[in-house]
Amino acid sequence: MEIADRTAVVTGAATGIGRGIAEHFARAGARVLLADVAEDGATAAEGLVAEGREAEFVRADVGDESDAKGLAQGALDRWGRLDILVNNAAIQLEETIEDTESEQWDRLMRVNLKGAFLCSKHAIPAMRSGGGGSIVNIASVNGFWVEPGLGAYCTAKGGVITLTRSIAADFGRDGIRCNCICPGYVDTGMAGRYLESQPDPERARAEVATLHAIGRVGQPEDIAACAQFLASDAAGFATGAAFVIDGGLSLGVVAKPET
């Protein structure tokens, strides 16, 4: 799972899964460009530099094509190559389709799906020029099955899974692999906001843990470890795949009550 001396761009890297992946990659020896609209990404990059890692922050809106193009060019300008792209940037909307405004739909699709498209579009030429690379998209188990009140989010994540397969099919002969990770509940701000939106947040948190076969929600490090595998040569024969890393959530297991 060696990724030392490789250059990675990680979007949505200011917090949560994206920050966990960026920090994991940097500590594994990769050069990491952290991208986010939130300035917390700068704090994350500064912390890594203080540890002696190679990391820089760029404020970028992945739904803006010039920003997306600038990420790939930024990696080339700083380090001369781009080997890994992690499309993680995402937002969530707790609404049914009936209650979703068209502007809300457009904003979510712009970040969650168009952002992955644009960043991949401009990373591919840079990867090809360097002999290949790996794109890792962060999708969700909600791309396969849905939860009530997450219509736009589930739709976008299903699109990310299909985008992953399309990129893999089109660019495999260029040495570019593309896979996606489908997490279940992960202990991040996004999951927290969703649980807080429930009628009884504390009860919702307890119930969510019981839905996982291993009895807990995920941590960003769980997803980062899978991302490192997919970015490395250890996954050299893996492309177009959706890796479900959800602690058994999608198995439909509910813990038995204690007796």
C-alpha atoms as a PDB file:
ATOM      1  CA  MET A   1       0.000   0.000   0.000  1.00  0.00           C
ATOM      2  CA  GLU A   2       2.944   2.284  -0.712  1.00  0.00           C
ATOM      3  CA  ILE A   3       2.044   5.838  -1.777  1.00  0.00           C
ATOM      4  CA  ALA A   4       5.235   7.612  -0.700  1.00  0.00           C
ATOM      5  CA  ASP A   5       6.532  10.188  -3.189  1.00  0.00           C
ATOM      6  CA  ARG A   6       3.185  10.369  -4.964  1.00  0.00           C
ATOM      7  CA  THR A   7       1.176  13.533  -5.404  1.00  0.00           C
ATOM      8  CA  ALA A   8      -2.468  13.627  -4.357  1.00  0.00           C
ATOM      9  CA  VAL A   9      -5.314  16.111  -4.542  1.00  0.00           C
ATOM     10  CA  VAL A  10      -8.025  15.612  -1.924  1.00  0.00           C
ATOM     11  CA  THR A  11     -11.223  17.666  -2.166  1.00  0.00           C
ATOM     12  CA  GLY A  12     -13.411  18.483   0.795  1.00  0.00           C
ATOM     13  CA  ALA A  13     -10.259  18.181   2.879  1.00  0.00           C
ATOM     14  CA  ALA A  14     -11.033  20.705   5.613  1.00  0.00           C
ATOM     15  CA  THR A  15     -13.013  18.333   7.820  1.00  0.00           C
ATOM     16  CA  GLY A  16     -14.361  14.809   8.210  1.00  0.00           C
ATOM     17  CA  ILE A  17     -13.520  12.057   5.759  1.00  0.00           C
ATOM     18  CA  GLY A  18     -11.587  14.352   3.426  1.00  0.00           C
ATOM     19  CA  ARG A  19      -9.353  15.658   6.183  1.00  0.00           C
ATOM     20  CA  GLY A  20      -8.826  12.125   7.473  1.00  0.00           C
ATOM     21  CA  ILE A  21      -7.734  10.950   4.019  1.00  0.00           C
ATOM     22  CA  ALA A  22      -5.450  13.957   3.454  1.00  0.00           C
ATOM     23  CA  GLU A  23      -3.727  13.485   6.810  1.00  0.00           C
ATOM     24  CA  HIS A  24      -3.418   9.728   6.302  1.00  0.00           C
ATOM     25  CA  PHE A  25      -1.885  10.183   2.845  1.00  0.00           C
ATOM     26  CA  ALA A  26       0.574  12.839   4.011  1.00  0.00           C
ATOM     27  CA  ARG A  27       1.712  10.688   6.930  1.00  0.00           C
ATOM     28  CA  ALA A  28       2.213   7.818   4.483  1.00  0.00           C
ATOM     29  CA  GLY A  29       4.693   9.997   2.571  1.00  0.00           C
ATOM     30  CA  ALA A  30       2.523  11.469  -0.185  1.00  0.00           C
ATOM     31  CA  ARG A  31       2.560  15.114  -1.221  1.00  0.00           C
ATOM     32  CA  VAL A  32      -0.985  16.352  -0.636  1.00  0.00           C
ATOM     33  CA  LEU A  33      -2.892  19.327  -1.985  1.00  0.00           C
ATOM     34  CA  LEU A  34      -5.864  19.886   0.321  1.00  0.00           C
ATOM     35  CA  ALA A  35      -8.800  21.588  -1.388  1.00  0.00           C
ATOM     36  CA  ASP A  36     -11.924  23.026   0.203  1.00  0.00           C
ATOM     37  CA  VAL A  37     -14.084  26.134   0.318  1.00  0.00           C
ATOM     38  CA  ALA A  38     -13.583  26.237   4.090  1.00  0.00           C
ATOM     39  CA  GLU A  39     -10.446  27.855   5.445  1.00  0.00           C
ATOM     40  CA  ASP A  40     -10.146  25.066   8.047  1.00  0.00           C
ATOM     41  CA  GLY A  41      -8.257  23.253   5.301  1.00  0.00           C
ATOM     42  CA  ALA A  42      -5.401  25.700   5.779  1.00  0.00           C
ATOM     43  CA  THR A  43      -5.179  24.716   9.442  1.00  0.00           C
ATOM     44  CA  ALA A  44      -5.051  21.052   8.469  1.00  0.00           C
ATOM     45  CA  ALA A  45      -2.265  21.685   5.951  1.00  0.00           C
ATOM     46  CA  GLU A  46      -0.286  23.795   8.414  1.00  0.00           C
ATOM     47  CA  GLY A  47      -0.504  21.029  10.995  1.00  0.00           C
ATOM     48  CA  LEU A  48       0.880  18.510   8.523  1.00  0.00           C
ATOM     49  CA  VAL A  49       3.733  20.816   7.536  1.00  0.00           C
ATOM     50  CA  ALA A  50       4.554  21.237  11.219  1.00  0.00           C
ATOM     51  CA  GLU A  51       4.929  17.452  11.376  1.00  0.00           C
ATOM     52  CA  GLY A  52       7.400  17.578   8.493  1.00  0.00           C
ATOM     53  CA  ARG A  53       4.909  16.443   5.834  1.00  0.00           C
ATOM     54  CA  GLU A  54       4.455  17.908   2.367  1.00  0.00           C
ATOM     55  CA  ALA A  55       1.050  19.545   2.203  1.00  0.00           C
ATOM     56  CA  GLU A  56      -0.541  22.716   0.890  1.00  0.00           C
ATOM     57  CA  PHE A  57      -4.054  24.133   1.025  1.00  0.00           C
ATOM     58  CA  VAL A  58      -5.938  25.656  -1.891  1.00  0.00           C
ATOM     59  CA  ARG A  59      -9.343  27.242  -1.510  1.00  0.00           C
ATOM     60  CA  ALA A  60     -11.415  25.770  -4.312  1.00  0.00           C
ATOM     61  CA  ASP A  61     -15.069  25.371  -5.258  1.00  0.00           C
ATOM     62  CA  VAL A  62     -15.144  22.022  -7.043  1.00  0.00           C
ATOM     63  CA  GLY A  63     -18.327  22.975  -8.902  1.00  0.00           C
ATOM     64  CA  ASP A  64     -16.480  25.842 -10.608  1.00  0.00           C
ATOM     65  CA  GLU A  65     -14.571  24.613 -13.643  1.00  0.00           C
ATOM     66  CA  SER A  66     -11.725  27.089 -13.332  1.00  0.00           C
ATOM     67  CA  ASP A  67     -11.178  26.032  -9.721  1.00  0.00           C
ATOM     68  CA  ALA A  68     -11.337  22.348 -10.609  1.00  0.00           C
ATOM     69  CA  LYS A  69      -8.847  22.839 -13.423  1.00  0.00           C
ATOM     70  CA  GLY A  70      -6.649  24.829 -11.089  1.00  0.00           C
ATOM     71  CA  LEU A  71      -6.328  21.894  -8.691  1.00  0.00           C
ATOM     72  CA  ALA A  72      -4.739  19.658 -11.292  1.00  0.00           C
ATOM     73  CA  GLN A  73      -2.538  22.478 -12.524  1.00  0.00           C
ATOM     74  CA  GLY A  74      -1.637  23.370  -8.958  1.00  0.00           C
ATOM     75  CA  ALA A  75      -0.333  19.866  -8.315  1.00  0.00           C
ATOM     76  CA  LEU A  76       1.718  20.035 -11.514  1.00  0.00           C
ATOM     77  CA  ASP A  77       3.093  23.482 -10.690  1.00  0.00           C
ATOM     78  CA  ARG A  78       4.067  22.518  -7.138  1.00  0.00           C
ATOM     79  CA  TRP A  79       5.292  18.975  -7.541  1.00  0.00           C
ATOM     80  CA  GLY A  80       5.476  18.232 -11.275  1.00  0.00           C
ATOM     81  CA  ARG A  81       2.902  15.467 -11.407  1.00  0.00           C
ATOM     82  CA  LEU A  82      -0.524  14.271 -10.260  1.00  0.00           C
ATOM     83  CA  ASP A  83      -0.886  10.633  -9.257  1.00  0.00           C
ATOM     84  CA  ILE A  84      -3.985  10.506  -7.059  1.00  0.00           C
ATOM     85  CA  LEU A  85      -7.287  12.354  -6.976  1.00  0.00           C
ATOM     86  CA  VAL A  86      -9.786  11.844  -4.171  1.00  0.00           C
ATOM     87  CA  ASN A  87     -13.191  13.343  -4.989  1.00  0.00           C
ATOM     88  CA  ASN A  88     -14.651  13.711  -1.517  1.00  0.00           C
ATOM     89  CA  ALA A  89     -16.286  17.166  -1.452  1.00  0.00           C
ATOM     90  CA  ALA A  90     -19.994  16.861  -0.703  1.00  0.00           C
ATOM     91  CA  ILE A  91     -22.947  18.477   0.991  1.00  0.00           C
ATOM     92  CA  GLN A  92     -26.135  16.921   2.320  1.00  0.00           C
ATOM     93  CA  LEU A  93     -29.780  17.994   2.311  1.00  0.00           C
ATOM     94  CA  GLU A  94     -32.322  16.461   4.690  1.00  0.00           C
ATOM     95  CA  GLU A  95     -35.436  16.819   2.527  1.00  0.00           C
ATOM     96  CA  THR A  96     -37.798  14.653   0.526  1.00  0.00           C
ATOM     97  CA  ILE A  97     -38.000  15.305  -3.198  1.00  0.00           C
ATOM     98  CA  GLU A  98     -41.351  17.035  -2.697  1.00  0.00           C
ATOM     99  CA  ASP A  99     -39.836  19.467  -0.207  1.00  0.00           C
ATOM    100  CA  THR A 100     -36.600  20.083  -2.128  1.00  0.00           C
ATOM    101  CA  GLU A 101     -36.386  23.419  -3.901  1.00  0.00           C
ATOM    102  CA  SER A 102     -34.891  23.380  -7.379  1.00  0.00           C
ATOM    103  CA  GLU A 103     -32.097  25.686  -6.215  1.00  0.00           C
ATOM    104  CA  GLN A 104     -31.233  23.261  -3.414  1.00  0.00           C
ATOM    105  CA  TRP A 105     -31.180  20.361  -5.885  1.00  0.00           C
ATOM    106  CA  ASP A 106     -28.903  22.263  -8.249  1.00  0.00           C
ATOM    107  CA  ARG A 107     -26.492  23.252  -5.477  1.00  0.00           C
ATOM    108  CA  LEU A 108     -26.176  19.702  -4.164  1.00  0.00           C
ATOM    109  CA  MET A 109     -25.656  18.238  -7.637  1.00  0.00           C
ATOM    110  CA  ARG A 110     -23.120  20.959  -8.415  1.00  0.00           C
ATOM    111  CA  VAL A 111     -20.942  19.973  -5.464  1.00  0.00           C
ATOM    112  CA  ASN A 112     -21.528  16.236  -5.112  1.00  0.00           C
ATOM    113  CA  LEU A 113     -21.692  15.125  -8.743  1.00  0.00           C
ATOM    114  CA  LYS A 114     -20.537  17.923 -11.034  1.00  0.00           C
ATOM    115  CA  GLY A 115     -17.560  18.531  -8.759  1.00  0.00           C
ATOM    116  CA  ALA A 116     -16.396  14.933  -9.138  1.00  0.00           C
ATOM    117  CA  PHE A 117     -16.864  15.208 -12.903  1.00  0.00           C
ATOM    118  CA  LEU A 118     -14.931  18.468 -13.249  1.00  0.00           C
ATOM    119  CA  CYS A 119     -12.042  17.478 -10.998  1.00  0.00           C
ATOM    120  CA  SER A 120     -11.708  14.142 -12.805  1.00  0.00           C
ATOM    121  CA  LYS A 121     -11.960  15.764 -16.224  1.00  0.00           C
ATOM    122  CA  HIS A 122      -8.975  17.989 -15.533  1.00  0.00           C
ATOM    123  CA  ALA A 123      -6.970  15.451 -13.532  1.00  0.00           C
ATOM    124  CA  ILE A 124      -7.048  12.828 -16.284  1.00  0.00           C
ATOM    125  CA  PRO A 125      -4.716  14.646 -18.732  1.00  0.00           C
ATOM    126  CA  ALA A 126      -2.260  15.337 -15.928  1.00  0.00           C
ATOM    127  CA  MET A 127      -2.301  11.693 -14.853  1.00  0.00           C
ATOM    128  CA  ARG A 128      -1.966  10.460 -18.420  1.00  0.00           C
ATOM    129  CA  SER A 129       1.099  12.638 -18.980  1.00  0.00           C
ATOM    130  CA  GLY A 130       2.714  11.051 -15.921  1.00  0.00           C
ATOM    131  CA  GLY A 131       1.992   7.493 -16.989  1.00  0.00           C
ATOM    132  CA  GLY A 132      -1.249   6.924 -15.117  1.00  0.00           C
ATOM    133  CA  GLY A 133      -2.902   7.404 -11.777  1.00  0.00           C
ATOM    134  CA  SER A 134      -5.759   6.546  -9.465  1.00  0.00           C
ATOM    135  CA  ILE A 135      -9.048   8.365  -8.936  1.00  0.00           C
ATOM    136  CA  VAL A 136     -10.928   7.524  -5.750  1.00  0.00           C
ATOM    137  CA  ASN A 137     -14.470   8.830  -5.503  1.00  0.00           C
ATOM    138  CA  ILE A 138     -16.271   8.948  -2.175  1.00  0.00           C
ATOM    139  CA  ALA A 139     -19.805   7.754  -2.853  1.00  0.00           C
ATOM    140  CA  SER A 140     -22.082   6.222  -0.206  1.00  0.00           C
ATOM    141  CA  VAL A 141     -24.136   3.148   0.571  1.00  0.00           C
ATOM    142  CA  ASN A 142     -26.986   5.564  -0.164  1.00  0.00           C
ATOM    143  CA  GLY A 143     -25.999   5.211  -3.808  1.00  0.00           C
ATOM    144  CA  PHE A 144     -27.398   1.662  -3.645  1.00  0.00           C
ATOM    145  CA  TRP A 145     -30.261   1.977  -1.175  1.00  0.00           C
ATOM    146  CA  VAL A 146     -31.962   5.032   0.192  1.00  0.00           C
ATOM    147  CA  GLU A 147     -32.977   6.497   3.499  1.00  0.00           C
ATOM    148  CA  PRO A 148     -36.082   8.642   3.889  1.00  0.00           C
ATOM    149  CA  GLY A 149     -35.571  12.357   3.530  1.00  0.00           C
ATOM    150  CA  LEU A 150     -32.342  12.241   1.529  1.00  0.00           C
ATOM    151  CA  GLY A 151     -33.660  12.227  -2.038  1.00  0.00           C
ATOM    152  CA  ALA A 152     -31.164  14.565  -3.706  1.00  0.00           C
ATOM    153  CA  TYR A 153     -28.192  13.197  -1.773  1.00  0.00           C
ATOM    154  CA  CYS A 154     -28.986   9.570  -2.630  1.00  0.00           C
ATOM    155  CA  THR A 155     -29.500  10.476  -6.284  1.00  0.00           C
ATOM    156  CA  ALA A 156     -26.135  12.238  -6.473  1.00  0.00           C
ATOM    157  CA  LYS A 157     -24.271   9.381  -4.798  1.00  0.00           C
ATOM    158  CA  GLY A 158     -25.811   6.914  -7.228  1.00  0.00           C
ATOM    159  CA  GLY A 159     -24.484   9.148  -9.986  1.00  0.00           C
ATOM    160  CA  VAL A 160     -20.994   9.106  -8.450  1.00  0.00           C
ATOM    161  CA  ILE A 161     -20.985   5.292  -8.603  1.00  0.00           C
ATOM    162  CA  THR A 162     -21.924   5.353 -12.289  1.00  0.00           C
ATOM    163  CA  LEU A 163     -19.389   8.107 -13.020  1.00  0.00           C
ATOM    164  CA  THR A 164     -16.746   5.907 -11.409  1.00  0.00           C
ATOM    165  CA  ARG A 165     -17.539   3.031 -13.738  1.00  0.00           C
ATOM    166  CA  SER A 166     -17.550   5.292 -16.801  1.00  0.00           C
ATOM    167  CA  ILE A 167     -14.135   6.762 -16.014  1.00  0.00           C
ATOM    168  CA  ALA A 168     -12.730   3.284 -15.402  1.00  0.00           C
ATOM    169  CA  ALA A 169     -14.036   2.031 -18.737  1.00  0.00           C
ATOM    170  CA  ASP A 170     -12.781   4.999 -20.738  1.00  0.00           C
ATOM    171  CA  PHE A 171      -9.297   5.492 -19.287  1.00  0.00           C
ATOM    172  CA  GLY A 172      -8.023   2.132 -18.121  1.00  0.00           C
ATOM    173  CA  ARG A 173      -5.779   1.823 -21.180  1.00  0.00           C
ATOM    174  CA  ASP A 174      -4.168   5.114 -20.171  1.00  0.00           C
ATOM    175  CA  GLY A 175      -3.076   3.573 -16.896  1.00  0.00           C
ATOM    176  CA  ILE A 176      -5.784   5.425 -14.970  1.00  0.00           C
ATOM    177  CA  ARG A 177      -7.854   3.444 -12.491  1.00  0.00           C
ATOM    178  CA  CYS A 178     -11.054   4.736 -10.923  1.00  0.00           C
ATOM    179  CA  ASN A 179     -12.874   3.225  -7.965  1.00  0.00           C
ATOM    180  CA  CYS A 180     -15.271   4.514  -5.356  1.00  0.00           C
ATOM    181  CA  ILE A 181     -15.760   3.972  -1.657  1.00  0.00           C
ATOM    182  CA  CYS A 182     -19.279   3.658  -0.284  1.00  0.00           C
ATOM    183  CA  PRO A 183     -19.232   4.425   3.447  1.00  0.00           C
ATOM    184  CA  GLY A 184     -22.076   3.948   5.866  1.00  0.00           C
ATOM    185  CA  TYR A 185     -22.388   6.251   8.846  1.00  0.00           C
ATOM    186  CA  VAL A 186     -19.051   7.895   9.628  1.00  0.00           C
ATOM    187  CA  ASP A 187     -18.442  10.088  12.669  1.00  0.00           C
ATOM    188  CA  THR A 188     -18.219  13.435  10.880  1.00  0.00           C
ATOM    189  CA  GLY A 189     -20.020  16.752  10.911  1.00  0.00           C
ATOM    190  CA  MET A 190     -22.279  15.708   8.043  1.00  0.00           C
ATOM    191  CA  ALA A 191     -23.548  12.611   9.848  1.00  0.00           C
ATOM    192  CA  GLY A 192     -23.901  14.629  13.030  1.00  0.00           C
ATOM    193  CA  ARG A 193     -26.050  17.256  11.329  1.00  0.00           C
ATOM    194  CA  TYR A 194     -28.306  14.556   9.901  1.00  0.00           C
ATOM    195  CA  LEU A 195     -28.759  12.937  13.312  1.00  0.00           C
ATOM    196  CA  GLU A 196     -29.417  16.324  14.918  1.00  0.00           C
ATOM    197  CA  SER A 197     -32.223  16.854  12.395  1.00  0.00           C
ATOM    198  CA  GLN A 198     -34.085  13.818  13.751  1.00  0.00           C
ATOM    199  CA  PRO A 199     -36.925  14.253  16.290  1.00  0.00           C
ATOM    200  CA  ASP A 200     -34.840  12.633  19.057  1.00  0.00           C
ATOM    201  CA  PRO A 201     -31.127  13.043  18.186  1.00  0.00           C
ATOM    202  CA  GLU A 202     -29.767  11.049  21.134  1.00  0.00           C
ATOM    203  CA  ARG A 203     -32.030   8.120  20.442  1.00  0.00           C
ATOM    204  CA  ALA A 204     -31.139   8.331  16.741  1.00  0.00           C
ATOM    205  CA  ARG A 205     -27.410   8.132  17.565  1.00  0.00           C
ATOM    206  CA  ALA A 206     -27.905   5.040  19.711  1.00  0.00           C
ATOM    207  CA  GLU A 207     -30.085   3.370  17.105  1.00  0.00           C
ATOM    208  CA  VAL A 208     -27.614   4.059  14.302  1.00  0.00           C
ATOM    209  CA  ALA A 209     -24.858   2.166  16.123  1.00  0.00           C
ATOM    210  CA  THR A 210     -27.095  -0.911  16.421  1.00  0.00           C
ATOM    211  CA  LEU A 211     -27.628  -0.929  12.658  1.00  0.00           C
ATOM    212  CA  HIS A 212     -23.973  -1.818  12.037  1.00  0.00           C
ATOM    213  CA  ALA A 213     -22.951  -5.464  12.238  1.00  0.00           C
ATOM    214  CA  ILE A 214     -19.775  -4.502  14.107  1.00  0.00           C
ATOM    215  CA  GLY A 215     -21.735  -2.355  16.567  1.00  0.00           C
ATOM    216  CA  ARG A 216     -20.291   1.080  15.867  1.00  0.00           C
ATOM    217  CA  VAL A 217     -20.275   3.850  13.319  1.00  0.00           C
ATOM    218  CA  GLY A 218     -17.191   4.418  11.177  1.00  0.00           C
ATOM    219  CA  GLN A 219     -14.295   6.794  11.734  1.00  0.00           C
ATOM    220  CA  PRO A 220     -12.550   8.828   9.007  1.00  0.00           C
ATOM    221  CA  GLU A 221      -9.488   6.587   9.412  1.00  0.00           C
ATOM    222  CA  ASP A 222     -11.560   3.567   8.342  1.00  0.00           C
ATOM    223  CA  ILE A 223     -12.253   5.236   5.012  1.00  0.00           C
ATOM    224  CA  ALA A 224      -8.724   6.639   4.683  1.00  0.00           C
ATOM    225  CA  ALA A 225      -7.197   3.158   4.943  1.00  0.00           C
ATOM    226  CA  CYS A 226      -9.332   1.934   2.053  1.00  0.00           C
ATOM    227  CA  ALA A 227      -8.501   5.049   0.034  1.00  0.00           C
ATOM    228  CA  GLN A 228      -4.780   4.403   0.506  1.00  0.00           C
ATOM    229  CA  PHE A 229      -5.207   0.844  -0.754  1.00  0.00           C
ATOM    230  CA  LEU A 230      -7.084   2.025  -3.847  1.00  0.00           C
ATOM    231  CA  ALA A 231      -4.492   4.730  -4.526  1.00  0.00           C
ATOM    232  CA  SER A 232      -1.600   2.291  -4.282  1.00  0.00           C
ATOM    233  CA  ASP A 233      -0.190  -0.346  -6.619  1.00  0.00           C
ATOM    234  CA  ALA A 234      -1.640  -2.989  -4.294  1.00  0.00           C
ATOM    235  CA  ALA A 235      -4.962  -2.252  -6.023  1.00  0.00           C
ATOM    236  CA  GLY A 236      -3.436  -2.368  -9.501  1.00  0.00           C
ATOM    237  CA  PHE A 237      -6.074  -4.775 -10.817  1.00  0.00           C
ATOM    238  CA  ALA A 238      -9.023  -2.944  -9.245  1.00  0.00           C
ATOM    239  CA  THR A 239     -10.970  -0.465 -11.331  1.00  0.00           C
ATOM    240  CA  GLY A 240     -14.608   0.429 -11.808  1.00  0.00           C
ATOM    241  CA  ALA A 241     -15.506  -1.059  -8.436  1.00  0.00           C
ATOM    242  CA  ALA A 242     -17.578   0.219  -5.538  1.00  0.00           C
ATOM    243  CA  PHE A 243     -16.020  -0.750  -2.221  1.00  0.00           C
ATOM    244  CA  VAL A 244     -18.624  -0.857   0.541  1.00  0.00           C
ATOM    245  CA  ILE A 245     -16.936   0.139   3.808  1.00  0.00           C
ATOM    246  CA  ASP A 246     -19.900   0.403   6.135  1.00  0.00           C
ATOM    247  CA  GLY A 247     -19.350  -1.827   9.162  1.00  0.00           C
ATOM    248  CA  GLY A 248     -22.103  -4.110   7.891  1.00  0.00           C
ATOM    249  CA  LEU A 249     -24.773  -1.370   7.783  1.00  0.00           C
ATOM    250  CA  SER A 250     -26.073  -2.494   4.395  1.00  0.00           C
ATOM    251  CA  LEU A 251     -26.508  -6.070   5.658  1.00  0.00           C
ATOM    252  CA  GLY A 252     -29.645  -4.957   7.437  1.00  0.00           C
ATOM    253  CA  VAL A 253     -28.406  -6.279  10.771  1.00  0.00           C
ATOM    254  CA  VAL A 254     -29.929  -4.927  13.964  1.00  0.00           C
ATOM    255  CA  ALA A 255     -28.235  -5.787  17.246  1.00  0.00           C
ATOM    256  CA  LYS A 256     -30.237  -8.017  19.552  1.00  0.00           C
ATOM    257  CA  PRO A 257     -31.343  -6.349  22.780  1.00  0.00           C
ATOM    258  CA  GLU A 258     -29.381  -7.275  25.862  1.00  0.00           C
ATOM    259  CA  THR A 259     -31.066  -9.832  28.139  1.00  0.00           C
END
